[in-house]
Amino acid sequence: MTLQEIKDYICEEGLDTKSRERSLVYRRFYLFKYLYVNFGLTHNEIAHLFNRANHTSVLHGLKQFRYLSMYEDFHKLTKKERELFNIDEHRVDRTSLNRTPIQWSEAEYTKIVEIRDSKRLSDNVEAIKFIINDYLRKD
């Protein structure tokens, strides 16, 4: 299926509405996962297909998909989508999506880690003391 056909399906089924009906929500979550895995779309691109303001709805849907996919109710409500759209976890090679990771030398990486760790500790010493003291006072 092409992205245009999927977009048409989303509109026909009313999955791009603001409805919080359980069946629509579960079906959206399933398609979020399908588009993310099989097409390698970004969270913002998926959000755009479903008329969502930003990527956070997609992040939430992908997280919920992991948990809901263990339940029978989820499988019943997403039966139509599972028949039409098969999620293939091994299809997308994330390295081929023109998103090249930054290449650090070992010395640069070590320096970055040291700076990050030293700043984190020095900035948080007072906060850690306050939390510990506050915790001890409660007992």
Protein backbone atom coordinates (compact mmCIF):
# COMPACT_ATOMS: atom_id res chain seq x y z
CA MET A 1 0.00 0.00 0.00
CA THR A 2 1.17 3.50 -0.75
CA LEU A 3 1.12 6.36 1.73
CA GLN A 4 -1.67 8.04 -0.23
CA GLU A 5 -3.83 4.91 0.04
CA ILE A 6 -3.13 4.77 3.77
CA LYS A 7 -4.01 8.48 4.13
CA ASP A 8 -7.29 7.82 2.27
CA TYR A 9 -8.01 4.88 4.57
CA ILE A 10 -7.35 7.03 7.65
CA CYS A 11 -9.83 9.66 6.41
CA GLU A 12 -12.49 7.13 5.37
CA GLU A 13 -12.38 5.38 8.75
CA GLY A 14 -12.42 8.64 10.71
CA LEU A 15 -9.07 7.94 12.34
CA ASP A 16 -7.97 11.54 11.78
CA THR A 17 -10.69 12.93 14.05
CA LYS A 18 -10.33 14.02 17.67
CA SER A 19 -12.54 11.15 18.87
CA ARG A 20 -11.41 9.26 21.97
CA GLU A 21 -13.58 6.24 21.28
CA ARG A 22 -11.58 3.20 22.31
CA SER A 23 -11.83 1.39 18.98
CA LEU A 24 -10.61 4.45 17.07
CA VAL A 25 -7.79 5.07 19.54
CA TYR A 26 -6.54 1.48 19.37
CA ARG A 27 -6.73 1.46 15.58
CA ARG A 28 -4.74 4.73 15.49
CA PHE A 29 -2.08 3.24 17.74
CA TYR A 30 -1.80 0.21 15.47
CA LEU A 31 -1.36 2.42 12.39
CA PHE A 32 1.17 4.61 14.21
CA LYS A 33 3.29 1.52 14.72
CA TYR A 34 2.73 0.31 11.15
CA LEU A 35 3.79 3.63 9.61
CA TYR A 36 6.76 3.98 11.93
CA VAL A 37 8.10 0.48 11.31
CA ASN A 38 7.18 -0.23 7.68
CA PHE A 39 7.66 3.23 6.20
CA GLY A 40 10.20 4.70 8.60
CA LEU A 41 8.20 7.91 8.99
CA THR A 42 9.15 10.34 11.72
CA HIS A 43 6.81 11.01 14.60
CA ASN A 44 5.93 14.42 13.13
CA GLU A 45 5.15 12.94 9.73
CA ILE A 46 2.83 10.38 11.30
CA ALA A 47 1.16 13.08 13.39
CA HIS A 48 0.54 15.08 10.22
CA LEU A 49 -1.21 12.10 8.57
CA PHE A 50 -3.61 11.88 11.53
CA ASN A 51 -4.18 15.66 11.82
CA ARG A 52 -2.41 15.86 15.15
CA ALA A 53 -0.72 19.05 16.28
CA ASN A 54 2.65 17.49 17.04
CA HIS A 55 4.61 14.30 17.59
CA THR A 56 3.65 13.71 21.23
CA SER A 57 0.42 11.89 20.35
CA VAL A 58 2.44 9.49 18.23
CA LEU A 59 5.01 8.91 20.98
CA HIS A 60 2.22 8.12 23.41
CA GLY A 61 0.53 5.81 20.89
CA LEU A 62 3.72 3.88 20.20
CA LYS A 63 4.37 3.44 23.92
CA GLN A 64 0.80 2.28 24.51
CA PHE A 65 1.00 -0.12 21.55
CA ARG A 66 3.65 -2.13 23.40
CA TYR A 67 1.41 -2.64 26.40
CA LEU A 68 -1.95 -2.96 24.68
CA SER A 69 -0.76 -5.53 22.16
CA MET A 70 -0.69 -8.07 25.01
CA TYR A 71 -4.46 -7.85 25.50
CA GLU A 72 -7.26 -9.66 23.67
CA ASP A 73 -9.43 -6.53 23.55
CA PHE A 74 -6.76 -4.71 21.55
CA HIS A 75 -6.57 -7.56 19.04
CA LYS A 76 -10.34 -7.64 18.62
CA LEU A 77 -10.59 -3.92 17.99
CA THR A 78 -7.65 -3.81 15.56
CA LYS A 79 -8.59 -6.95 13.60
CA LYS A 80 -9.40 -5.01 10.40
CA GLU A 81 -6.08 -3.13 10.48
CA ARG A 82 -4.08 -6.27 11.26
CA GLU A 83 -5.62 -7.94 8.19
CA LEU A 84 -4.90 -4.95 5.92
CA PHE A 85 -1.56 -3.80 7.36
CA ASN A 86 1.10 -6.24 8.46
CA ILE A 87 3.80 -4.81 10.71
CA ASP A 88 7.20 -6.08 9.60
CA GLU A 89 9.72 -5.30 12.35
CA HIS A 90 12.67 -6.22 10.12
CA ARG A 91 11.71 -4.22 7.06
CA VAL A 92 13.16 -0.78 7.78
CA ASP A 93 16.90 -0.31 8.01
CA ARG A 94 17.13 2.83 10.13
CA THR A 95 20.65 3.59 8.92
CA SER A 96 19.41 4.04 5.35
CA LEU A 97 17.03 6.88 6.17
CA ASN A 98 19.58 9.67 5.55
CA ARG A 99 19.94 10.18 9.28
CA THR A 100 23.63 9.69 9.73
CA PRO A 101 24.78 9.60 13.34
CA ILE A 102 27.55 11.90 14.51
CA GLN A 103 30.91 10.17 14.43
CA TRP A 104 33.03 10.96 17.48
CA SER A 105 36.62 9.94 17.98
CA GLU A 106 37.32 8.04 21.18
CA ALA A 107 39.15 11.03 22.70
CA GLU A 108 36.28 13.41 21.86
CA TYR A 109 33.70 11.02 23.26
CA THR A 110 35.67 10.53 26.49
CA LYS A 111 36.01 14.29 26.93
CA ILE A 112 32.27 14.83 26.37
CA VAL A 113 31.35 12.13 28.89
CA GLU A 114 33.74 13.55 31.49
CA ILE A 115 32.36 17.07 31.06
CA ARG A 116 28.76 15.84 31.18
CA ASP A 117 29.34 13.76 34.29
CA SER A 118 31.33 16.41 36.16
CA LYS A 119 28.74 19.10 35.43
CA ARG A 120 25.92 16.82 36.39
CA LEU A 121 27.48 16.01 39.75
CA SER A 122 28.63 19.52 40.60
CA ASP A 123 25.30 21.09 39.59
CA ASN A 124 23.25 18.62 41.56
CA VAL A 125 25.18 18.26 44.82
CA GLU A 126 23.00 20.79 46.64
CA ALA A 127 19.81 19.34 45.19
CA ILE A 128 20.81 15.82 46.23
CA LYS A 129 21.60 17.01 49.78
CA PHE A 130 18.22 18.75 49.99
CA ILE A 131 16.35 15.65 48.77
CA ILE A 132 18.18 13.38 51.23
CA ASN A 133 17.60 15.76 54.13
CA ASP A 134 13.95 16.18 53.19
CA TYR A 135 13.53 12.42 53.00
CA LEU A 136 15.19 11.88 56.38
CA ARG A 137 12.94 14.51 58.01
CA LYS A 138 9.79 12.69 56.91
CA ASP A 139 10.71 9.58 58.89
